[in-house]
Amino acid sequence: MPAITPTSDLADPPTTLAASPDELIRAWQARRIVLYGCAWGKEPSRPIAMRRDLCLRDHGGEVCLGEKTLHFGTRPFWANLSVRSDDCMRCWPSIRVVESQQRLPAVRRPSNSKILSFIEEQRKALRGERKRAGRDVLLRAAMDHFELSRKVVLEVWNGAPRDRKGGRPRKTKNLE
């Protein structure tokens, strides 16, 4: 977590960076902290009920909490994980919270519709200037604008409905 920095205390044994996730899960399982997350990576953030069979996993370029299964996306999992700083300070008193102007990427991530509308606006602007507006150019523009990884932007691009020829994402009409 970029907003929390460890402070050295010779009385406490140090926790290595590799062991930190295990320590976090043990504290959650012992009910010393509360983990918050979005079920299936889409629902609103809420406290995650404690279960012994859950572990931290990488899913879609993000750290998620889920079961130890081969097919991870078919079972319930939680993304956009967070812990309250008060819980961390109570559980690990040698941690000092530092004011940070940088927001976490999970908080900063826009919705898929915002990303797709930005891509469509970029396509129109580039075509108006008679410049190339291919997939890679549009993906790079979205990656730079929203500060997202290629994997995330490509996932949004591939998840969009396509026109009948399978080309660019189909426009949806708002019936308001």
C-alpha atoms as a PDB file:
ATOM      1  CA  MET A   1       0.000   0.000   0.000  1.00  0.00           C
ATOM      2  CA  PRO A   2       1.686   3.238  -1.068  1.00  0.00           C
ATOM      3  CA  ALA A   3       0.147   5.282   1.775  1.00  0.00           C
ATOM      4  CA  ILE A   4       1.608   3.082   4.525  1.00  0.00           C
ATOM      5  CA  THR A   5       5.317   2.937   5.218  1.00  0.00           C
ATOM      6  CA  PRO A   6       6.937   0.652   7.775  1.00  0.00           C
ATOM      7  CA  THR A   7       8.996   2.116  10.582  1.00  0.00           C
ATOM      8  CA  SER A   8      11.835   0.109  12.021  1.00  0.00           C
ATOM      9  CA  ASP A   9      11.565  -0.984  15.618  1.00  0.00           C
ATOM     10  CA  LEU A  10      14.315  -3.201  16.955  1.00  0.00           C
ATOM     11  CA  ALA A  11      11.917  -4.847  19.446  1.00  0.00           C
ATOM     12  CA  ASP A  12       9.723  -6.263  16.635  1.00  0.00           C
ATOM     13  CA  PRO A  13      11.022  -8.928  14.269  1.00  0.00           C
ATOM     14  CA  PRO A  14      10.877  -7.656  10.689  1.00  0.00           C
ATOM     15  CA  THR A  15       8.360  -9.075   8.234  1.00  0.00           C
ATOM     16  CA  THR A  16       9.785  -9.613   4.777  1.00  0.00           C
ATOM     17  CA  LEU A  17       7.969  -8.308   1.735  1.00  0.00           C
ATOM     18  CA  ALA A  18       7.416 -11.893   0.552  1.00  0.00           C
ATOM     19  CA  ALA A  19       5.812 -12.856   3.887  1.00  0.00           C
ATOM     20  CA  SER A  20       3.590  -9.765   4.125  1.00  0.00           C
ATOM     21  CA  PRO A  21       0.627 -11.207   2.164  1.00  0.00           C
ATOM     22  CA  ASP A  22       0.602 -14.295   4.392  1.00  0.00           C
ATOM     23  CA  GLU A  23       0.687 -12.101   7.501  1.00  0.00           C
ATOM     24  CA  LEU A  24      -2.208 -10.048   6.142  1.00  0.00           C
ATOM     25  CA  ILE A  25      -4.309 -13.164   5.466  1.00  0.00           C
ATOM     26  CA  ARG A  26      -3.493 -14.593   8.930  1.00  0.00           C
ATOM     27  CA  ALA A  27      -4.603 -11.340  10.573  1.00  0.00           C
ATOM     28  CA  TRP A  28      -7.833 -11.412   8.534  1.00  0.00           C
ATOM     29  CA  GLN A  29      -8.494 -15.065   9.422  1.00  0.00           C
ATOM     30  CA  ALA A  30      -7.851 -14.284  13.104  1.00  0.00           C
ATOM     31  CA  ARG A  31     -10.427 -11.447  12.764  1.00  0.00           C
ATOM     32  CA  ARG A  32      -7.893  -8.778  13.776  1.00  0.00           C
ATOM     33  CA  ILE A  33      -8.556  -6.827  10.556  1.00  0.00           C
ATOM     34  CA  VAL A  34     -11.422  -6.565   8.072  1.00  0.00           C
ATOM     35  CA  LEU A  35     -10.764  -6.970   4.353  1.00  0.00           C
ATOM     36  CA  TYR A  36     -13.008  -5.105   1.934  1.00  0.00           C
ATOM     37  CA  GLY A  37     -13.484  -6.014  -1.717  1.00  0.00           C
ATOM     38  CA  CYS A  38     -15.799  -6.124  -4.716  1.00  0.00           C
ATOM     39  CA  ALA A  39     -17.392  -9.537  -5.296  1.00  0.00           C
ATOM     40  CA  TRP A  40     -16.632 -10.847  -8.809  1.00  0.00           C
ATOM     41  CA  GLY A  41     -14.656  -7.618  -9.301  1.00  0.00           C
ATOM     42  CA  LYS A  42     -17.872  -5.781 -10.262  1.00  0.00           C
ATOM     43  CA  GLU A  43     -20.136  -5.321  -7.239  1.00  0.00           C
ATOM     44  CA  PRO A  44     -19.803  -2.449  -4.717  1.00  0.00           C
ATOM     45  CA  SER A  45     -17.079  -2.792  -2.092  1.00  0.00           C
ATOM     46  CA  ARG A  46     -18.123  -4.541   1.120  1.00  0.00           C
ATOM     47  CA  PRO A  47     -16.528  -6.512   3.972  1.00  0.00           C
ATOM     48  CA  ILE A  48     -15.431 -10.009   2.985  1.00  0.00           C
ATOM     49  CA  ALA A  49     -16.637 -12.825   5.217  1.00  0.00           C
ATOM     50  CA  MET A  50     -13.760 -14.836   6.697  1.00  0.00           C
ATOM     51  CA  ARG A  51     -13.141 -18.256   5.136  1.00  0.00           C
ATOM     52  CA  ARG A  52     -10.108 -20.491   5.574  1.00  0.00           C
ATOM     53  CA  ASP A  53     -10.005 -21.698   1.951  1.00  0.00           C
ATOM     54  CA  LEU A  54      -9.354 -18.254   0.407  1.00  0.00           C
ATOM     55  CA  CYS A  55      -5.952 -17.008  -0.716  1.00  0.00           C
ATOM     56  CA  LEU A  56      -4.460 -14.070  -2.595  1.00  0.00           C
ATOM     57  CA  ARG A  57      -4.239 -14.605  -6.350  1.00  0.00           C
ATOM     58  CA  ASP A  58      -3.370 -12.648  -9.469  1.00  0.00           C
ATOM     59  CA  HIS A  59      -6.417 -12.317 -11.743  1.00  0.00           C
ATOM     60  CA  GLY A  60      -6.604  -9.955 -14.677  1.00  0.00           C
ATOM     61  CA  GLY A  61      -3.458  -8.108 -13.597  1.00  0.00           C
ATOM     62  CA  GLU A  62      -4.908  -7.388 -10.161  1.00  0.00           C
ATOM     63  CA  VAL A  63      -4.472  -8.959  -6.728  1.00  0.00           C
ATOM     64  CA  CYS A  64      -7.681 -10.791  -5.828  1.00  0.00           C
ATOM     65  CA  LEU A  65      -8.889 -12.980  -2.994  1.00  0.00           C
ATOM     66  CA  GLY A  66     -10.382 -16.310  -4.020  1.00  0.00           C
ATOM     67  CA  GLU A  67     -10.364 -20.073  -3.747  1.00  0.00           C
ATOM     68  CA  LYS A  68      -7.384 -22.227  -4.641  1.00  0.00           C
ATOM     69  CA  THR A  69      -8.867 -23.576  -7.880  1.00  0.00           C
ATOM     70  CA  LEU A  70      -7.544 -24.077 -11.368  1.00  0.00           C
ATOM     71  CA  HIS A  71     -10.446 -22.177 -12.954  1.00  0.00           C
ATOM     72  CA  PHE A  72     -10.310 -19.053 -10.802  1.00  0.00           C
ATOM     73  CA  GLY A  73     -12.897 -16.924 -12.616  1.00  0.00           C
ATOM     74  CA  THR A  74     -15.670 -19.523 -12.273  1.00  0.00           C
ATOM     75  CA  ARG A  75     -15.820 -19.352  -8.455  1.00  0.00           C
ATOM     76  CA  PRO A  76     -16.586 -16.263  -6.348  1.00  0.00           C
ATOM     77  CA  PHE A  77     -13.607 -13.947  -5.900  1.00  0.00           C
ATOM     78  CA  TRP A  78     -13.036 -10.444  -4.563  1.00  0.00           C
ATOM     79  CA  ALA A  79     -11.084  -7.679  -6.315  1.00  0.00           C
ATOM     80  CA  ASN A  80     -10.204  -4.063  -5.404  1.00  0.00           C
ATOM     81  CA  LEU A  81      -9.059  -5.226  -1.975  1.00  0.00           C
ATOM     82  CA  SER A  82      -8.569  -2.722   0.822  1.00  0.00           C
ATOM     83  CA  VAL A  83      -7.926  -2.574   4.563  1.00  0.00           C
ATOM     84  CA  ARG A  84      -8.757   0.326   6.853  1.00  0.00           C
ATOM     85  CA  SER A  85      -5.638   2.106   8.093  1.00  0.00           C
ATOM     86  CA  ASP A  86      -6.998   2.045  11.681  1.00  0.00           C
ATOM     87  CA  ASP A  87      -7.072  -1.771  11.553  1.00  0.00           C
ATOM     88  CA  CYS A  88      -3.487  -1.876  10.288  1.00  0.00           C
ATOM     89  CA  MET A  89      -2.231   0.511  12.957  1.00  0.00           C
ATOM     90  CA  ARG A  90      -4.006  -1.447  15.695  1.00  0.00           C
ATOM     91  CA  CYS A  91      -2.744  -4.797  14.394  1.00  0.00           C
ATOM     92  CA  TRP A  92       0.800  -3.621  13.548  1.00  0.00           C
ATOM     93  CA  PRO A  93       1.659  -0.624  15.745  1.00  0.00           C
ATOM     94  CA  SER A  94       5.058  -0.138  14.091  1.00  0.00           C
ATOM     95  CA  ILE A  95       3.344   1.047  10.876  1.00  0.00           C
ATOM     96  CA  ARG A  96       3.139   4.787  10.382  1.00  0.00           C
ATOM     97  CA  VAL A  97       0.574   6.280   7.959  1.00  0.00           C
ATOM     98  CA  VAL A  98       1.995   8.911   5.626  1.00  0.00           C
ATOM     99  CA  GLU A  99      -0.156  11.465   3.822  1.00  0.00           C
ATOM    100  CA  SER A 100      -0.120  10.599   0.149  1.00  0.00           C
ATOM    101  CA  GLN A 101      -1.370  12.687  -2.761  1.00  0.00           C
ATOM    102  CA  GLN A 102      -1.233   9.657  -5.042  1.00  0.00           C
ATOM    103  CA  ARG A 103      -4.484   7.729  -5.273  1.00  0.00           C
ATOM    104  CA  LEU A 104      -4.530   3.970  -5.525  1.00  0.00           C
ATOM    105  CA  PRO A 105      -4.965   2.535  -9.063  1.00  0.00           C
ATOM    106  CA  ALA A 106      -8.000   0.513  -8.010  1.00  0.00           C
ATOM    107  CA  VAL A 107      -9.756   3.705  -6.919  1.00  0.00           C
ATOM    108  CA  ARG A 108      -8.697   5.589 -10.038  1.00  0.00           C
ATOM    109  CA  ARG A 109      -9.894   3.001 -12.566  1.00  0.00           C
ATOM    110  CA  PRO A 110     -12.785   4.330 -14.670  1.00  0.00           C
ATOM    111  CA  SER A 111     -15.734   2.269 -15.835  1.00  0.00           C
ATOM    112  CA  ASN A 112     -15.593   0.274 -19.066  1.00  0.00           C
ATOM    113  CA  SER A 113     -18.133   2.600 -20.717  1.00  0.00           C
ATOM    114  CA  LYS A 114     -15.905   5.638 -19.977  1.00  0.00           C
ATOM    115  CA  ILE A 115     -12.908   3.883 -21.502  1.00  0.00           C
ATOM    116  CA  LEU A 116     -14.887   2.871 -24.602  1.00  0.00           C
ATOM    117  CA  SER A 117     -16.362   6.357 -25.048  1.00  0.00           C
ATOM    118  CA  PHE A 118     -12.855   7.855 -24.774  1.00  0.00           C
ATOM    119  CA  ILE A 119     -11.610   5.407 -27.424  1.00  0.00           C
ATOM    120  CA  GLU A 120     -14.502   6.378 -29.744  1.00  0.00           C
ATOM    121  CA  GLU A 121     -13.783  10.099 -29.232  1.00  0.00           C
ATOM    122  CA  GLN A 122     -10.101   9.473 -30.015  1.00  0.00           C
ATOM    123  CA  ARG A 123     -11.064   7.535 -33.140  1.00  0.00           C
ATOM    124  CA  LYS A 124     -13.224  10.432 -34.389  1.00  0.00           C
ATOM    125  CA  ALA A 125     -10.530  13.024 -33.596  1.00  0.00           C
ATOM    126  CA  LEU A 126      -7.790  11.047 -35.351  1.00  0.00           C
ATOM    127  CA  ARG A 127      -9.961  10.359 -38.389  1.00  0.00           C
ATOM    128  CA  GLY A 128     -10.838  14.081 -38.544  1.00  0.00           C
ATOM    129  CA  GLU A 129      -7.115  14.859 -38.672  1.00  0.00           C
ATOM    130  CA  ARG A 130      -6.621  12.098 -41.297  1.00  0.00           C
ATOM    131  CA  LYS A 131      -4.325  10.133 -38.982  1.00  0.00           C
ATOM    132  CA  ARG A 132      -4.177   6.397 -38.304  1.00  0.00           C
ATOM    133  CA  ALA A 133      -6.831   5.284 -35.833  1.00  0.00           C
ATOM    134  CA  GLY A 134      -6.094   1.566 -35.600  1.00  0.00           C
ATOM    135  CA  ARG A 135      -6.620  -0.606 -32.551  1.00  0.00           C
ATOM    136  CA  ASP A 136      -3.074  -0.278 -31.224  1.00  0.00           C
ATOM    137  CA  VAL A 137      -3.081   3.518 -31.559  1.00  0.00           C
ATOM    138  CA  LEU A 138      -6.417   3.759 -29.723  1.00  0.00           C
ATOM    139  CA  LEU A 139      -5.346   1.340 -27.002  1.00  0.00           C
ATOM    140  CA  ARG A 140      -2.130   3.301 -26.423  1.00  0.00           C
ATOM    141  CA  ALA A 141      -4.119   6.558 -26.150  1.00  0.00           C
ATOM    142  CA  ALA A 142      -6.477   5.017 -23.557  1.00  0.00           C
ATOM    143  CA  MET A 143      -3.542   3.518 -21.627  1.00  0.00           C
ATOM    144  CA  ASP A 144      -1.831   6.912 -21.460  1.00  0.00           C
ATOM    145  CA  HIS A 145      -4.988   8.859 -20.619  1.00  0.00           C
ATOM    146  CA  PHE A 146      -6.279   6.582 -17.831  1.00  0.00           C
ATOM    147  CA  GLU A 147      -2.839   5.286 -16.716  1.00  0.00           C
ATOM    148  CA  LEU A 148      -3.919   1.659 -17.155  1.00  0.00           C
ATOM    149  CA  SER A 149      -1.985  -1.389 -18.271  1.00  0.00           C
ATOM    150  CA  ARG A 150      -2.356  -2.761 -21.785  1.00  0.00           C
ATOM    151  CA  LYS A 151      -3.912  -5.911 -20.373  1.00  0.00           C
ATOM    152  CA  VAL A 152      -6.752  -3.983 -18.692  1.00  0.00           C
ATOM    153  CA  VAL A 153      -7.486  -1.762 -21.725  1.00  0.00           C
ATOM    154  CA  LEU A 154      -7.338  -4.742 -24.079  1.00  0.00           C
ATOM    155  CA  GLU A 155      -9.761  -6.629 -21.817  1.00  0.00           C
ATOM    156  CA  VAL A 156     -12.215  -3.709 -22.054  1.00  0.00           C
ATOM    157  CA  TRP A 157     -11.730  -3.524 -25.840  1.00  0.00           C
ATOM    158  CA  ASN A 158     -12.321  -7.258 -26.293  1.00  0.00           C
ATOM    159  CA  GLY A 159     -15.379  -7.195 -24.027  1.00  0.00           C
ATOM    160  CA  ALA A 160     -17.159  -4.553 -26.128  1.00  0.00           C
ATOM    161  CA  PRO A 161     -19.900  -5.683 -28.550  1.00  0.00           C
ATOM    162  CA  ARG A 162     -18.697  -5.616 -32.169  1.00  0.00           C
ATOM    163  CA  ASP A 163     -20.387  -4.547 -35.376  1.00  0.00           C
ATOM    164  CA  ARG A 164     -21.487  -7.193 -37.878  1.00  0.00           C
ATOM    165  CA  LYS A 165     -18.052  -7.398 -39.489  1.00  0.00           C
ATOM    166  CA  GLY A 166     -16.287  -7.913 -36.158  1.00  0.00           C
ATOM    167  CA  GLY A 167     -14.419  -4.636 -36.364  1.00  0.00           C
ATOM    168  CA  ARG A 168     -14.819  -1.689 -34.083  1.00  0.00           C
ATOM    169  CA  PRO A 169     -17.078  -1.714 -31.023  1.00  0.00           C
ATOM    170  CA  ARG A 170     -20.745  -1.200 -31.836  1.00  0.00           C
ATOM    171  CA  LYS A 171     -22.362   2.034 -30.691  1.00  0.00           C
ATOM    172  CA  THR A 172     -25.203   1.589 -28.211  1.00  0.00           C
ATOM    173  CA  LYS A 173     -28.143   3.955 -28.386  1.00  0.00           C
ATOM    174  CA  ASN A 174     -29.481   5.472 -25.177  1.00  0.00           C
ATOM    175  CA  LEU A 175     -33.263   5.272 -25.077  1.00  0.00           C
ATOM    176  CA  GLU A 176     -33.833   8.114 -22.609  1.00  0.00           C
END
